[in-house]
Amino acid sequence: MEAIVREGLGVAAGLGITPTSDPLAALEKAGREAQEHQPSMLVDVLRRQRTEIAVLNAALVEAGERIGCPVPFNEAITAIVQGIEESWKT
């Protein structure tokens, strides 16, 4: 998860966007406080419902491509989740 967030920070920097808070600190805090919580994307996958991957990670991949900022972890997670979604059609 940290690598995915770091890539997002790189794209944001490339677009001239400065976060108003520390996303890595928020990720760490969420990991400590929400250990029993199931992420919404996991819930969607378990229910075989379309996830928010296109709005989140795929959009970040597209932005990274536009500005020449590599985002291999976001590319991988996007491909995996979209592959899972596609498998439900068969």
Protein backbone atom coordinates (compact mmCIF):
# COMPACT_ATOMS: atom_id res chain seq x y z
CA MET A 1 0.00 0.00 0.00
CA GLU A 2 2.81 2.40 0.79
CA ALA A 3 4.24 2.06 -2.73
CA ILE A 4 0.81 2.76 -4.24
CA VAL A 5 0.47 5.90 -2.12
CA ARG A 6 4.02 7.03 -2.94
CA GLU A 7 3.26 6.70 -6.64
CA GLY A 8 0.17 8.83 -6.13
CA LEU A 9 2.25 11.45 -4.40
CA GLY A 10 4.64 11.44 -7.36
CA VAL A 11 1.80 12.01 -9.82
CA ALA A 12 0.35 14.73 -7.61
CA ALA A 13 3.73 16.47 -7.47
CA GLY A 14 4.05 16.19 -11.23
CA LEU A 15 0.67 17.89 -11.58
CA GLY A 16 1.61 20.63 -9.13
CA ILE A 17 -0.69 19.34 -6.39
CA THR A 18 0.49 19.51 -2.79
CA PRO A 19 -1.44 17.42 -0.24
CA THR A 20 -2.80 19.33 2.73
CA SER A 21 -2.01 16.40 5.02
CA ASP A 22 0.36 13.42 5.00
CA PRO A 23 -1.25 10.51 3.11
CA LEU A 24 1.36 8.06 4.42
CA ALA A 25 0.57 9.01 8.02
CA ALA A 26 -3.15 8.61 7.26
CA LEU A 27 -2.48 5.17 5.78
CA GLU A 28 -0.53 4.13 8.86
CA LYS A 29 -3.24 5.46 11.19
CA ALA A 30 -5.97 3.67 9.24
CA GLY A 31 -3.99 0.44 9.41
CA ARG A 32 -3.78 0.70 13.20
CA GLU A 33 -7.34 1.79 13.83
CA ALA A 34 -9.30 -0.20 11.28
CA GLN A 35 -7.82 -3.67 11.53
CA GLU A 36 -11.22 -5.34 11.69
CA HIS A 37 -12.69 -3.20 8.90
CA GLN A 38 -13.14 -4.70 5.44
CA PRO A 39 -12.17 -2.23 2.71
CA SER A 40 -15.02 -1.32 0.38
CA MET A 41 -13.14 -2.71 -2.62
CA LEU A 42 -12.84 -6.11 -0.90
CA VAL A 43 -16.55 -6.04 -0.08
CA ASP A 44 -17.31 -5.29 -3.74
CA VAL A 45 -15.10 -8.16 -4.93
CA LEU A 46 -16.67 -10.60 -2.49
CA ARG A 47 -20.11 -9.55 -3.77
CA ARG A 48 -18.93 -9.66 -7.40
CA GLN A 49 -19.81 -6.01 -7.84
CA ARG A 50 -17.80 -3.54 -9.89
CA THR A 51 -15.22 -1.79 -7.76
CA GLU A 52 -14.02 1.79 -7.70
CA ILE A 53 -10.68 0.77 -9.26
CA ALA A 54 -11.31 2.75 -12.46
CA VAL A 55 -12.05 5.93 -10.52
CA LEU A 56 -9.09 5.55 -8.19
CA ASN A 57 -6.06 3.65 -9.43
CA ALA A 58 -6.81 3.54 -13.16
CA ALA A 59 -7.29 7.32 -13.18
CA LEU A 60 -3.93 7.68 -11.44
CA VAL A 61 -2.31 5.42 -14.05
CA GLU A 62 -3.74 7.58 -16.84
CA ALA A 63 -2.50 10.76 -15.17
CA GLY A 64 0.93 9.23 -14.65
CA GLU A 65 1.12 8.31 -18.32
CA ARG A 66 0.14 11.85 -19.36
CA ILE A 67 2.95 13.44 -17.34
CA GLY A 68 5.55 10.70 -17.78
CA CYS A 69 5.50 9.53 -14.17
CA PRO A 70 5.81 5.73 -13.87
CA VAL A 71 3.29 4.06 -11.55
CA PRO A 72 3.98 0.31 -11.79
CA PHE A 73 2.27 -0.64 -8.53
CA ASN A 74 -0.91 1.20 -9.49
CA GLU A 75 -0.75 -0.40 -12.94
CA ALA A 76 -0.46 -3.84 -11.34
CA ILE A 77 -3.30 -3.44 -8.84
CA THR A 78 -5.52 -1.96 -11.55
CA ALA A 79 -4.83 -4.90 -13.89
CA ILE A 80 -5.43 -7.45 -11.12
CA VAL A 81 -8.75 -5.98 -9.98
CA GLN A 82 -9.99 -5.35 -13.52
CA GLY A 83 -9.03 -8.93 -14.37
CA ILE A 84 -11.08 -10.18 -11.44
CA GLU A 85 -14.02 -8.07 -12.59
CA GLU A 86 -13.70 -9.41 -16.14
CA SER A 87 -13.66 -13.00 -14.85
CA TRP A 88 -17.18 -12.57 -13.52
CA LYS A 89 -18.48 -12.21 -17.09
CA THR A 90 -17.57 -15.77 -18.02
